[in-house]
Amino acid sequence: MAATGATRSGLQAQTFHFDKKFVVLSDWDGTITTCDSNDYITDNYGMGLGGRVALNKDILEFDKSGKTRGKSFKDGFELMLASVSNKGHSLEACKTYLTTRSDFTEGFIDFKKFCDATDIPLTIVSSGMDELIRAVLTELAKGSDEDVVKDIAIVSNGVRHDETGKWHITWRHPDSTYGHDKSRAILPYQEYRSEHHGHGPTVFFFGDGVSDLSAAQHADVLFVKVTGDDEKDNLKKHCDKAGIPYIPFLNFHTAKEIVDKIVRGEKSKDDFLVKPIALMN
């Protein structure tokens, strides 16, 4: 049985696969793809790398301080995207730019095929905008891989155009400091298990950055992409400081091997978890 969650934002509602044993939820930018499209257009079309990095530090400080210092993800991200739109770059121009500069993280198509073969639904849960994500996803999978990705559901924010032609992000959860609170993609699965004596899907969540902070503490099995680039590995830094256990991965070949062993019961997540000691005060 699958259930569809409601959304007040007019965006595609999330389908919850309560009848499955395992579910994969994954961030899109920088996790499934090799680069973060929103960072890319901000750096090259908007405020630039320096402005974005400064805002990312403010966002991390906001979560680290218990929302008493810094800037929320929603506010910071909106400033980044507005810096692109305000310079006159259309959404179509951004799509064209991104489809020629991004690629799938190594092994993703094989990982999706593995999920299909083992009856594990895979859903993209992103703080980006649905139009950009679908455009890049479709372009990257052009050819023999089109059928592999065509059924991937995208749970994300949206986009609107005002009377002047400028585009703006529309938030899935406008009441949240995240704009799109990814924990809401996971919590219904936990609620289902609590109501059904522990029976229900195990949720694998894959992420890499600041937009994944709200999901990190709620995933049953958290995979964190670790590139070795300190500017990119924001989710790793947060988990290390907060003491949140995670499984590091760089590509989906490694992720598939680990998920396969857990699904088959050959290993448990504890065999792979990094368990940092909390450094937050």
C-alpha atoms as a PDB file:
ATOM      1  CA  MET A   1       0.000   0.000   0.000  1.00  0.00           C
ATOM      2  CA  ALA A   2       1.310   3.418  -0.942  1.00  0.00           C
ATOM      3  CA  ALA A   3      -0.032   6.649   0.507  1.00  0.00           C
ATOM      4  CA  THR A   4       0.331  10.166  -0.826  1.00  0.00           C
ATOM      5  CA  GLY A   5       1.148  13.003   1.559  1.00  0.00           C
ATOM      6  CA  ALA A   6      -0.649  16.305   1.152  1.00  0.00           C
ATOM      7  CA  THR A   7       1.050  19.560   0.227  1.00  0.00           C
ATOM      8  CA  ARG A   8      -0.305  23.078   0.618  1.00  0.00           C
ATOM      9  CA  SER A   9       2.131  24.490  -1.923  1.00  0.00           C
ATOM     10  CA  GLY A  10       0.600  23.068  -5.099  1.00  0.00           C
ATOM     11  CA  LEU A  11       3.726  20.953  -5.685  1.00  0.00           C
ATOM     12  CA  GLN A  12       3.794  17.231  -6.357  1.00  0.00           C
ATOM     13  CA  ALA A  13       2.931  15.425  -3.139  1.00  0.00           C
ATOM     14  CA  GLN A  14       5.202  12.699  -1.838  1.00  0.00           C
ATOM     15  CA  THR A  15       4.109   9.091  -2.191  1.00  0.00           C
ATOM     16  CA  PHE A  16       4.892   7.031   0.913  1.00  0.00           C
ATOM     17  CA  HIS A  17       5.641   3.373   0.209  1.00  0.00           C
ATOM     18  CA  PHE A  18       4.486   1.819   3.457  1.00  0.00           C
ATOM     19  CA  ASP A  19       4.156  -1.612   1.825  1.00  0.00           C
ATOM     20  CA  LYS A  20       7.869  -1.917   1.007  1.00  0.00           C
ATOM     21  CA  LYS A  21      10.658  -3.303   3.182  1.00  0.00           C
ATOM     22  CA  PHE A  22      13.160  -0.626   2.164  1.00  0.00           C
ATOM     23  CA  VAL A  23      12.953   2.871   0.702  1.00  0.00           C
ATOM     24  CA  VAL A  24      15.687   5.139  -0.695  1.00  0.00           C
ATOM     25  CA  LEU A  25      15.375   8.907  -0.355  1.00  0.00           C
ATOM     26  CA  SER A  26      18.172  10.937  -1.873  1.00  0.00           C
ATOM     27  CA  ASP A  27      19.207  14.530  -2.167  1.00  0.00           C
ATOM     28  CA  TRP A  28      19.838  15.573  -5.761  1.00  0.00           C
ATOM     29  CA  ASP A  29      22.438  18.350  -6.021  1.00  0.00           C
ATOM     30  CA  GLY A  30      25.950  17.203  -5.203  1.00  0.00           C
ATOM     31  CA  THR A  31      24.692  13.790  -4.112  1.00  0.00           C
ATOM     32  CA  ILE A  32      23.212  12.149  -7.200  1.00  0.00           C
ATOM     33  CA  THR A  33      25.032  14.714  -9.339  1.00  0.00           C
ATOM     34  CA  THR A  34      28.695  15.616  -9.335  1.00  0.00           C
ATOM     35  CA  CYS A  35      28.028  19.287  -8.706  1.00  0.00           C
ATOM     36  CA  ASP A  36      25.429  21.311  -6.865  1.00  0.00           C
ATOM     37  CA  SER A  37      23.458  23.091  -9.588  1.00  0.00           C
ATOM     38  CA  ASN A  38      22.252  25.825  -7.243  1.00  0.00           C
ATOM     39  CA  ASP A  39      25.799  26.501  -6.073  1.00  0.00           C
ATOM     40  CA  TYR A  40      26.972  26.477  -9.670  1.00  0.00           C
ATOM     41  CA  ILE A  41      24.535  29.089 -10.921  1.00  0.00           C
ATOM     42  CA  THR A  42      25.059  31.201  -7.775  1.00  0.00           C
ATOM     43  CA  ASP A  43      28.836  31.133  -8.228  1.00  0.00           C
ATOM     44  CA  ASN A  44      28.765  31.851 -11.962  1.00  0.00           C
ATOM     45  CA  TYR A  45      25.549  33.810 -12.535  1.00  0.00           C
ATOM     46  CA  GLY A  46      24.851  35.317  -9.129  1.00  0.00           C
ATOM     47  CA  MET A  47      26.674  36.601  -6.047  1.00  0.00           C
ATOM     48  CA  GLY A  48      29.784  34.524  -6.649  1.00  0.00           C
ATOM     49  CA  LEU A  49      31.647  31.889  -4.661  1.00  0.00           C
ATOM     50  CA  GLY A  50      32.667  34.205  -1.822  1.00  0.00           C
ATOM     51  CA  GLY A  51      29.137  35.354  -1.098  1.00  0.00           C
ATOM     52  CA  ARG A  52      27.771  31.824  -1.205  1.00  0.00           C
ATOM     53  CA  VAL A  53      30.445  30.369   1.075  1.00  0.00           C
ATOM     54  CA  ALA A  54      29.797  33.153   3.608  1.00  0.00           C
ATOM     55  CA  LEU A  55      26.067  32.384   3.552  1.00  0.00           C
ATOM     56  CA  ASN A  56      26.742  28.649   3.987  1.00  0.00           C
ATOM     57  CA  LYS A  57      28.742  29.445   7.125  1.00  0.00           C
ATOM     58  CA  ASP A  58      25.827  31.515   8.422  1.00  0.00           C
ATOM     59  CA  ILE A  59      23.444  28.613   7.726  1.00  0.00           C
ATOM     60  CA  LEU A  60      25.640  26.106   9.571  1.00  0.00           C
ATOM     61  CA  GLU A  61      25.935  28.553  12.474  1.00  0.00           C
ATOM     62  CA  PHE A  62      22.134  28.877  12.574  1.00  0.00           C
ATOM     63  CA  ASP A  63      21.726  25.131  13.145  1.00  0.00           C
ATOM     64  CA  LYS A  64      24.733  24.819  15.423  1.00  0.00           C
ATOM     65  CA  SER A  65      23.533  27.651  17.691  1.00  0.00           C
ATOM     66  CA  GLY A  66      19.980  26.356  18.000  1.00  0.00           C
ATOM     67  CA  LYS A  67      18.666  29.049  15.641  1.00  0.00           C
ATOM     68  CA  THR A  68      19.973  31.938  17.744  1.00  0.00           C
ATOM     69  CA  ARG A  69      22.769  33.061  15.396  1.00  0.00           C
ATOM     70  CA  GLY A  70      23.429  33.064  11.687  1.00  0.00           C
ATOM     71  CA  LYS A  71      20.833  32.719   8.937  1.00  0.00           C
ATOM     72  CA  SER A  72      18.254  30.022   8.240  1.00  0.00           C
ATOM     73  CA  PHE A  73      18.704  27.803   5.190  1.00  0.00           C
ATOM     74  CA  LYS A  74      15.502  29.206   3.706  1.00  0.00           C
ATOM     75  CA  ASP A  75      16.642  32.830   4.013  1.00  0.00           C
ATOM     76  CA  GLY A  76      20.187  32.142   2.843  1.00  0.00           C
ATOM     77  CA  PHE A  77      19.176  29.990  -0.111  1.00  0.00           C
ATOM     78  CA  GLU A  78      16.587  32.522  -1.236  1.00  0.00           C
ATOM     79  CA  LEU A  79      19.282  35.221  -1.297  1.00  0.00           C
ATOM     80  CA  MET A  80      21.555  33.003  -3.391  1.00  0.00           C
ATOM     81  CA  LEU A  81      18.914  32.273  -6.027  1.00  0.00           C
ATOM     82  CA  ALA A  82      17.642  35.859  -6.060  1.00  0.00           C
ATOM     83  CA  SER A  83      21.174  36.993  -6.876  1.00  0.00           C
ATOM     84  CA  VAL A  84      20.924  34.955 -10.102  1.00  0.00           C
ATOM     85  CA  SER A  85      17.431  36.075 -11.099  1.00  0.00           C
ATOM     86  CA  ASN A  86      18.153  39.720 -10.265  1.00  0.00           C
ATOM     87  CA  LYS A  87      21.042  39.737 -12.727  1.00  0.00           C
ATOM     88  CA  GLY A  88      18.619  38.865 -15.516  1.00  0.00           C
ATOM     89  CA  HIS A  89      19.456  35.199 -15.985  1.00  0.00           C
ATOM     90  CA  SER A  90      16.333  33.310 -17.062  1.00  0.00           C
ATOM     91  CA  LEU A  91      15.443  29.860 -15.772  1.00  0.00           C
ATOM     92  CA  GLU A  92      15.849  28.496 -19.303  1.00  0.00           C
ATOM     93  CA  ALA A  93      19.380  29.913 -19.464  1.00  0.00           C
ATOM     94  CA  CYS A  94      20.156  28.218 -16.153  1.00  0.00           C
ATOM     95  CA  LYS A  95      18.816  24.885 -17.454  1.00  0.00           C
ATOM     96  CA  THR A  96      20.977  25.109 -20.558  1.00  0.00           C
ATOM     97  CA  TYR A  97      24.034  26.065 -18.521  1.00  0.00           C
ATOM     98  CA  LEU A  98      23.589  23.223 -16.037  1.00  0.00           C
ATOM     99  CA  THR A  99      22.840  20.431 -18.487  1.00  0.00           C
ATOM    100  CA  THR A 100      26.255  20.949 -20.069  1.00  0.00           C
ATOM    101  CA  ARG A 101      28.196  21.111 -16.807  1.00  0.00           C
ATOM    102  CA  SER A 102      26.836  18.378 -14.559  1.00  0.00           C
ATOM    103  CA  ASP A 103      26.968  14.597 -14.537  1.00  0.00           C
ATOM    104  CA  PHE A 104      25.702  11.706 -12.454  1.00  0.00           C
ATOM    105  CA  THR A 105      27.843  10.639  -9.530  1.00  0.00           C
ATOM    106  CA  GLU A 106      29.626   7.484 -10.624  1.00  0.00           C
ATOM    107  CA  GLY A 107      27.466   4.379 -10.340  1.00  0.00           C
ATOM    108  CA  PHE A 108      24.109   6.099  -9.970  1.00  0.00           C
ATOM    109  CA  ILE A 109      22.416   4.453 -12.962  1.00  0.00           C
ATOM    110  CA  ASP A 110      23.555   1.003 -11.789  1.00  0.00           C
ATOM    111  CA  PHE A 111      22.330   1.840  -8.284  1.00  0.00           C
ATOM    112  CA  LYS A 112      18.893   2.792  -9.662  1.00  0.00           C
ATOM    113  CA  LYS A 113      18.770  -0.483 -11.624  1.00  0.00           C
ATOM    114  CA  PHE A 114      19.644  -2.340  -8.416  1.00  0.00           C
ATOM    115  CA  CYS A 115      16.816  -0.560  -6.584  1.00  0.00           C
ATOM    116  CA  ASP A 116      14.386  -1.528  -9.342  1.00  0.00           C
ATOM    117  CA  ALA A 117      15.517  -5.161  -9.254  1.00  0.00           C
ATOM    118  CA  THR A 118      15.134  -5.386  -5.477  1.00  0.00           C
ATOM    119  CA  ASP A 119      11.788  -3.540  -5.292  1.00  0.00           C
ATOM    120  CA  ILE A 120      13.199  -0.500  -3.486  1.00  0.00           C
ATOM    121  CA  PRO A 121      11.499   2.782  -4.482  1.00  0.00           C
ATOM    122  CA  LEU A 122      13.916   5.669  -5.028  1.00  0.00           C
ATOM    123  CA  THR A 123      12.684   9.229  -4.543  1.00  0.00           C
ATOM    124  CA  ILE A 124      14.634  12.454  -5.021  1.00  0.00           C
ATOM    125  CA  VAL A 125      14.127  14.751  -2.019  1.00  0.00           C
ATOM    126  CA  SER A 126      15.635  18.098  -2.909  1.00  0.00           C
ATOM    127  CA  SER A 127      15.723  21.703  -1.778  1.00  0.00           C
ATOM    128  CA  GLY A 128      16.171  22.693  -5.394  1.00  0.00           C
ATOM    129  CA  MET A 129      13.457  23.499  -7.929  1.00  0.00           C
ATOM    130  CA  ASP A 130      11.533  20.774  -9.740  1.00  0.00           C
ATOM    131  CA  GLU A 131      11.913  22.269 -13.225  1.00  0.00           C
ATOM    132  CA  LEU A 132      15.695  22.467 -12.989  1.00  0.00           C
ATOM    133  CA  ILE A 133      16.023  18.981 -11.507  1.00  0.00           C
ATOM    134  CA  ARG A 134      13.814  17.297 -14.118  1.00  0.00           C
ATOM    135  CA  ALA A 135      15.582  19.132 -16.962  1.00  0.00           C
ATOM    136  CA  VAL A 136      19.044  18.040 -15.818  1.00  0.00           C
ATOM    137  CA  LEU A 137      17.916  14.499 -14.909  1.00  0.00           C
ATOM    138  CA  THR A 138      16.347  14.006 -18.337  1.00  0.00           C
ATOM    139  CA  GLU A 139      19.345  15.417 -20.188  1.00  0.00           C
ATOM    140  CA  LEU A 140      21.926  13.369 -18.263  1.00  0.00           C
ATOM    141  CA  ALA A 141      19.977  10.160 -18.863  1.00  0.00           C
ATOM    142  CA  LYS A 142      19.427  10.798 -22.574  1.00  0.00           C
ATOM    143  CA  GLY A 143      19.669   7.654 -24.670  1.00  0.00           C
ATOM    144  CA  SER A 144      19.758   4.162 -23.191  1.00  0.00           C
ATOM    145  CA  ASP A 145      19.282   5.331 -19.596  1.00  0.00           C
ATOM    146  CA  GLU A 146      16.085   7.334 -20.156  1.00  0.00           C
ATOM    147  CA  ASP A 147      13.816   4.471 -19.126  1.00  0.00           C
ATOM    148  CA  VAL A 148      15.860   3.901 -15.966  1.00  0.00           C
ATOM    149  CA  VAL A 149      15.115   7.347 -14.530  1.00  0.00           C
ATOM    150  CA  LYS A 150      11.705   8.204 -15.966  1.00  0.00           C
ATOM    151  CA  ASP A 151       9.803   6.833 -12.949  1.00  0.00           C
ATOM    152  CA  ILE A 152      11.866   8.722 -10.337  1.00  0.00           C
ATOM    153  CA  ALA A 153       9.585  10.931  -8.258  1.00  0.00           C
ATOM    154  CA  ILE A 154      10.886  14.387  -7.370  1.00  0.00           C
ATOM    155  CA  VAL A 155       9.879  15.920  -4.048  1.00  0.00           C
ATOM    156  CA  SER A 156      11.248  19.451  -4.084  1.00  0.00           C
ATOM    157  CA  ASN A 157      10.507  23.148  -4.142  1.00  0.00           C
ATOM    158  CA  GLY A 158       8.958  24.824  -7.173  1.00  0.00           C
ATOM    159  CA  VAL A 159       9.374  28.001  -9.178  1.00  0.00           C
ATOM    160  CA  ARG A 160       7.136  30.891 -10.178  1.00  0.00           C
ATOM    161  CA  HIS A 161       7.517  33.873 -12.485  1.00  0.00           C
ATOM    162  CA  ASP A 162       6.341  37.335 -11.500  1.00  0.00           C
ATOM    163  CA  GLU A 163       4.822  40.000 -13.766  1.00  0.00           C
ATOM    164  CA  THR A 164       8.282  41.283 -14.727  1.00  0.00           C
ATOM    165  CA  GLY A 165       9.420  37.854 -15.888  1.00  0.00           C
ATOM    166  CA  LYS A 166      11.770  37.236 -12.950  1.00  0.00           C
ATOM    167  CA  TRP A 167      11.674  33.758 -11.446  1.00  0.00           C
ATOM    168  CA  HIS A 168      11.459  32.968  -7.728  1.00  0.00           C
ATOM    169  CA  ILE A 169      11.647  29.785  -5.709  1.00  0.00           C
ATOM    170  CA  THR A 170       8.351  28.599  -4.172  1.00  0.00           C
ATOM    171  CA  TRP A 171       8.781  26.702  -0.937  1.00  0.00           C
ATOM    172  CA  ARG A 172       7.318  23.287  -0.228  1.00  0.00           C
ATOM    173  CA  HIS A 173       7.170  24.138   3.477  1.00  0.00           C
ATOM    174  CA  PRO A 174       7.023  27.941   3.731  1.00  0.00           C
ATOM    175  CA  ASP A 175       6.488  27.639   7.489  1.00  0.00           C
ATOM    176  CA  SER A 176       9.856  25.922   7.948  1.00  0.00           C
ATOM    177  CA  THR A 177      13.261  27.575   8.346  1.00  0.00           C
ATOM    178  CA  TYR A 178      14.465  25.040   5.769  1.00  0.00           C
ATOM    179  CA  GLY A 179      11.854  25.977   3.153  1.00  0.00           C
ATOM    180  CA  HIS A 180      11.713  22.272   2.385  1.00  0.00           C
ATOM    181  CA  ASP A 181      12.043  20.346   5.636  1.00  0.00           C
ATOM    182  CA  LYS A 182      13.390  16.995   4.460  1.00  0.00           C
ATOM    183  CA  SER A 183      12.669  15.354   7.794  1.00  0.00           C
ATOM    184  CA  ARG A 184       8.995  15.434   6.761  1.00  0.00           C
ATOM    185  CA  ALA A 185       9.873  12.955   4.013  1.00  0.00           C
ATOM    186  CA  ILE A 186      11.116  10.497   6.657  1.00  0.00           C
ATOM    187  CA  LEU A 187       8.993  10.987   9.781  1.00  0.00           C
ATOM    188  CA  PRO A 188       5.777   9.449   8.341  1.00  0.00           C
ATOM    189  CA  TYR A 189       7.686   6.172   7.923  1.00  0.00           C
ATOM    190  CA  GLN A 190       8.705   6.256  11.584  1.00  0.00           C
ATOM    191  CA  GLU A 191       5.138   7.073  12.606  1.00  0.00           C
ATOM    192  CA  TYR A 192       3.861   4.160  10.526  1.00  0.00           C
ATOM    193  CA  ARG A 193       6.252   1.752  12.253  1.00  0.00           C
ATOM    194  CA  SER A 194       5.266   3.002  15.692  1.00  0.00           C
ATOM    195  CA  GLU A 195       1.621   2.357  14.820  1.00  0.00           C
ATOM    196  CA  HIS A 196       2.302  -1.095  13.349  1.00  0.00           C
ATOM    197  CA  HIS A 197       4.417  -2.720  16.066  1.00  0.00           C
ATOM    198  CA  GLY A 198       7.712  -1.865  14.374  1.00  0.00           C
ATOM    199  CA  HIS A 199       6.720  -3.169  10.943  1.00  0.00           C
ATOM    200  CA  GLY A 200       7.364  -0.905   7.970  1.00  0.00           C
ATOM    201  CA  PRO A 201      10.085   0.270   5.607  1.00  0.00           C
ATOM    202  CA  THR A 202      13.664   1.013   6.579  1.00  0.00           C
ATOM    203  CA  VAL A 203      14.656   4.395   5.135  1.00  0.00           C
ATOM    204  CA  PHE A 204      18.046   4.894   3.510  1.00  0.00           C
ATOM    205  CA  PHE A 205      18.779   8.616   3.129  1.00  0.00           C
ATOM    206  CA  PHE A 206      21.605   9.989   0.964  1.00  0.00           C
ATOM    207  CA  GLY A 207      22.854  13.560   1.315  1.00  0.00           C
ATOM    208  CA  ASP A 208      25.859  15.841   1.234  1.00  0.00           C
ATOM    209  CA  GLY A 209      25.084  19.403   2.261  1.00  0.00           C
ATOM    210  CA  VAL A 210      23.390  21.959   4.462  1.00  0.00           C
ATOM    211  CA  SER A 211      19.949  21.300   2.985  1.00  0.00           C
ATOM    212  CA  ASP A 212      20.119  17.758   4.389  1.00  0.00           C
ATOM    213  CA  LEU A 213      20.609  18.762   8.024  1.00  0.00           C
ATOM    214  CA  SER A 214      16.968  18.282   8.998  1.00  0.00           C
ATOM    215  CA  ALA A 215      16.902  14.764   7.547  1.00  0.00           C
ATOM    216  CA  ALA A 216      20.221  13.592   8.963  1.00  0.00           C
ATOM    217  CA  GLN A 217      19.043  12.957  12.505  1.00  0.00           C
ATOM    218  CA  HIS A 218      15.918  11.044  11.420  1.00  0.00           C
ATOM    219  CA  ALA A 219      17.167   8.627   8.748  1.00  0.00           C
ATOM    220  CA  ASP A 220      17.247   4.952   9.681  1.00  0.00           C
ATOM    221  CA  VAL A 221      20.443   4.592   7.666  1.00  0.00           C
ATOM    222  CA  LEU A 222      22.241   7.823   6.756  1.00  0.00           C
ATOM    223  CA  PHE A 223      24.685   7.879   3.846  1.00  0.00           C
ATOM    224  CA  VAL A 224      26.843  11.020   3.684  1.00  0.00           C
ATOM    225  CA  LYS A 225      28.786  11.838   0.536  1.00  0.00           C
ATOM    226  CA  VAL A 226      32.378  12.627   1.474  1.00  0.00           C
ATOM    227  CA  THR A 227      34.545  14.128  -1.267  1.00  0.00           C
ATOM    228  CA  GLY A 228      37.492  15.322   0.784  1.00  0.00           C
ATOM    229  CA  ASP A 229      36.699  18.899  -0.232  1.00  0.00           C
ATOM    230  CA  ASP A 230      35.986  20.821   2.960  1.00  0.00           C
ATOM    231  CA  GLU A 231      33.847  23.410   1.153  1.00  0.00           C
ATOM    232  CA  LYS A 232      31.561  20.665  -0.213  1.00  0.00           C
ATOM    233  CA  ASP A 233      31.390  18.274   2.748  1.00  0.00           C
ATOM    234  CA  ASN A 234      29.031  20.336   4.901  1.00  0.00           C
ATOM    235  CA  LEU A 235      26.790  17.446   5.966  1.00  0.00           C
ATOM    236  CA  LYS A 236      29.819  15.458   7.111  1.00  0.00           C
ATOM    237  CA  LYS A 237      31.032  18.426   9.157  1.00  0.00           C
ATOM    238  CA  HIS A 238      27.611  18.813  10.767  1.00  0.00           C
ATOM    239  CA  CYS A 239      27.319  15.101  11.618  1.00  0.00           C
ATOM    240  CA  ASP A 240      30.853  15.026  13.033  1.00  0.00           C
ATOM    241  CA  LYS A 241      30.113  17.982  15.296  1.00  0.00           C
ATOM    242  CA  ALA A 242      26.649  16.774  16.322  1.00  0.00           C
ATOM    243  CA  GLY A 243      27.679  13.146  16.870  1.00  0.00           C
ATOM    244  CA  ILE A 244      25.266  11.790  14.239  1.00  0.00           C
ATOM    245  CA  PRO A 245      26.331   8.335  12.961  1.00  0.00           C
ATOM    246  CA  TYR A 246      26.582   7.954   9.195  1.00  0.00           C
ATOM    247  CA  ILE A 247      27.976   5.792   6.421  1.00  0.00           C
ATOM    248  CA  PRO A 248      30.441   7.728   4.238  1.00  0.00           C
ATOM    249  CA  PHE A 249      30.392   7.152   0.491  1.00  0.00           C
ATOM    250  CA  LEU A 250      31.973   8.779  -2.560  1.00  0.00           C
ATOM    251  CA  ASN A 251      30.152   6.961  -5.367  1.00  0.00           C
ATOM    252  CA  PHE A 252      27.082   4.798  -5.813  1.00  0.00           C
ATOM    253  CA  HIS A 253      29.081   1.653  -6.604  1.00  0.00           C
ATOM    254  CA  THR A 254      30.163   1.620  -2.966  1.00  0.00           C
ATOM    255  CA  ALA A 255      26.690   2.589  -1.775  1.00  0.00           C
ATOM    256  CA  LYS A 256      25.100  -0.255  -3.750  1.00  0.00           C
ATOM    257  CA  GLU A 257      27.424  -2.831  -2.228  1.00  0.00           C
ATOM    258  CA  ILE A 258      26.598  -1.650   1.289  1.00  0.00           C
ATOM    259  CA  VAL A 259      22.835  -1.391   0.729  1.00  0.00           C
ATOM    260  CA  ASP A 260      22.837  -4.850  -0.891  1.00  0.00           C
ATOM    261  CA  LYS A 261      24.535  -6.401   2.151  1.00  0.00           C
ATOM    262  CA  ILE A 262      22.094  -4.713   4.540  1.00  0.00           C
ATOM    263  CA  VAL A 263      19.048  -5.687   2.469  1.00  0.00           C
ATOM    264  CA  ARG A 264      20.210  -9.299   2.247  1.00  0.00           C
ATOM    265  CA  GLY A 265      20.845  -9.395   5.995  1.00  0.00           C
ATOM    266  CA  GLU A 266      24.511 -10.238   5.525  1.00  0.00           C
ATOM    267  CA  LYS A 267      25.559  -7.127   7.452  1.00  0.00           C
ATOM    268  CA  SER A 268      23.897  -4.529   9.644  1.00  0.00           C
ATOM    269  CA  LYS A 269      24.273  -0.784   9.331  1.00  0.00           C
ATOM    270  CA  ASP A 270      26.480  -0.846  12.449  1.00  0.00           C
ATOM    271  CA  ASP A 271      29.138  -2.681  10.423  1.00  0.00           C
ATOM    272  CA  PHE A 272      29.572   0.424   8.260  1.00  0.00           C
ATOM    273  CA  LEU A 273      28.681   3.420  10.457  1.00  0.00           C
ATOM    274  CA  VAL A 274      31.089   6.137  11.453  1.00  0.00           C
ATOM    275  CA  LYS A 275      30.111   7.138  14.987  1.00  0.00           C
ATOM    276  CA  PRO A 276      31.570  10.570  15.740  1.00  0.00           C
ATOM    277  CA  ILE A 277      31.654  11.951  19.256  1.00  0.00           C
ATOM    278  CA  ALA A 278      29.498  15.068  19.518  1.00  0.00           C
ATOM    279  CA  LEU A 279      31.538  18.277  19.616  1.00  0.00           C
ATOM    280  CA  MET A 280      28.618  20.717  19.903  1.00  0.00           C
ATOM    281  CA  ASN A 281      28.316  22.813  23.002  1.00  0.00           C
END
